[in-house]
């Protein structure tokens, strides 16, 4: 009985490792301000790039740029979180099915 559980745990752990590798290759984009701020993150929620329109890079647009950057990051990270949850649910699915 316990051997089967440990086997399933090891299998789920391996699937999670593989899932993290897949997630590192997935990119999710978030943008704000009609595309004036764009952010790209991986499925592992690592920021890969930030693109800010030149007109926002002035002292008088500082607050607007900060707000748009936060919005774009949150949008990208929300998409990454969804991808991560789906991947981890897939990895753990077989294990949980055997334990129930």
Protein backbone atom coordinates (compact mmCIF):
# COMPACT_ATOMS: atom_id res chain seq x y z
CA UNK A 1 0.00 0.00 0.00
CA UNK A 2 2.65 2.54 1.06
CA UNK A 3 4.91 1.55 -1.82
CA UNK A 4 2.16 2.53 -4.21
CA UNK A 5 1.70 5.90 -2.49
CA UNK A 6 5.43 6.61 -2.53
CA UNK A 7 5.58 5.62 -6.19
CA UNK A 8 2.76 8.02 -7.00
CA UNK A 9 4.47 10.79 -5.01
CA UNK A 10 7.70 10.29 -6.96
CA UNK A 11 5.78 10.24 -10.22
CA UNK A 12 3.99 13.49 -9.30
CA UNK A 13 7.29 15.07 -8.30
CA UNK A 14 8.80 14.16 -11.67
CA UNK A 15 5.76 15.54 -13.48
CA UNK A 16 6.05 18.79 -11.52
CA UNK A 17 9.71 19.13 -12.53
CA UNK A 18 8.79 18.56 -16.16
CA UNK A 19 5.94 21.06 -15.82
CA UNK A 20 8.28 23.74 -14.48
CA UNK A 21 10.57 23.21 -17.47
CA UNK A 22 7.59 23.61 -19.84
CA UNK A 23 6.45 26.71 -17.97
CA UNK A 24 9.87 28.30 -18.33
CA UNK A 25 9.43 28.09 -22.11
CA UNK A 26 5.97 29.68 -22.13
CA UNK A 27 5.70 33.46 -22.34
CA UNK A 28 2.70 35.52 -21.36
CA UNK A 29 2.29 39.17 -22.33
CA UNK A 30 0.54 41.91 -20.43
CA UNK A 31 0.00 45.42 -21.67
CA UNK A 32 -1.59 48.66 -20.59
CA UNK A 33 -2.19 52.13 -21.92
CA UNK A 34 -3.19 50.94 -25.37
CA UNK A 35 0.10 49.08 -25.74
CA UNK A 36 2.33 51.87 -24.48
CA UNK A 37 3.60 49.55 -21.73
CA UNK A 38 4.22 45.87 -22.47
CA UNK A 39 5.56 43.21 -20.14
CA UNK A 40 6.50 39.60 -20.91
CA UNK A 41 6.80 36.93 -18.20
CA UNK A 42 7.36 33.19 -18.26
CA UNK A 43 4.91 30.62 -16.97
CA UNK A 44 7.17 30.45 -13.90
CA UNK A 45 6.38 34.13 -13.26
CA UNK A 46 9.80 35.49 -14.18
CA UNK A 47 9.83 38.88 -15.89
CA UNK A 48 11.60 38.56 -19.25
CA UNK A 49 11.08 41.98 -20.78
CA UNK A 50 9.53 45.39 -20.24
CA UNK A 51 8.84 47.80 -23.10
CA UNK A 52 7.81 51.37 -22.34
CA UNK A 53 6.87 53.89 -25.02
CA UNK A 54 9.37 56.79 -25.15
CA UNK A 55 6.71 59.43 -24.50
CA UNK A 56 6.15 57.96 -21.03
CA UNK A 57 9.83 58.32 -20.10
CA UNK A 58 9.58 61.94 -19.06
CA UNK A 59 9.27 63.44 -15.57
CA UNK A 60 5.76 64.71 -16.25
CA UNK A 61 4.58 61.19 -17.18
CA UNK A 62 6.30 59.38 -14.30
CA UNK A 63 3.13 58.57 -12.34
CA UNK A 64 1.25 57.48 -15.45
CA UNK A 65 4.14 55.21 -16.44
CA UNK A 66 4.26 53.66 -12.96
CA UNK A 67 0.50 53.00 -13.00
CA UNK A 68 0.63 51.46 -16.48
CA UNK A 69 3.63 49.34 -15.55
CA UNK A 70 1.83 47.94 -12.51
CA UNK A 71 -1.26 47.19 -14.61
CA UNK A 72 0.75 45.46 -17.36
CA UNK A 73 2.73 43.41 -14.83
CA UNK A 74 -0.40 42.32 -13.00
CA UNK A 75 -2.06 41.25 -16.25
CA UNK A 76 0.96 39.24 -17.34
CA UNK A 77 1.42 37.66 -13.91
CA UNK A 78 -2.27 36.73 -13.73
CA UNK A 79 -1.91 34.84 -17.01
CA UNK A 80 1.28 33.19 -15.78
CA UNK A 81 -0.44 32.14 -12.56
CA UNK A 82 -3.25 30.52 -14.55
CA UNK A 83 -0.74 28.63 -16.68
CA UNK A 84 1.22 27.54 -13.59
CA UNK A 85 -1.91 26.33 -11.78
CA UNK A 86 -3.06 24.33 -14.80
CA UNK A 87 0.38 22.72 -15.19
CA UNK A 88 0.66 21.80 -11.50
CA UNK A 89 -2.91 20.50 -11.40
CA UNK A 90 -2.06 18.29 -14.36
CA UNK A 91 1.09 17.04 -12.60
CA UNK A 92 -0.73 16.25 -9.35
CA UNK A 93 -3.86 14.85 -10.98
CA UNK A 94 -2.70 11.26 -11.20
CA UNK A 95 -1.48 11.20 -7.62
CA UNK A 96 -4.62 12.67 -6.13
CA UNK A 97 -6.82 10.33 -8.12
CA UNK A 98 -5.00 7.34 -6.62
CA UNK A 99 -5.28 8.65 -3.07
CA UNK A 100 -8.99 9.38 -3.12
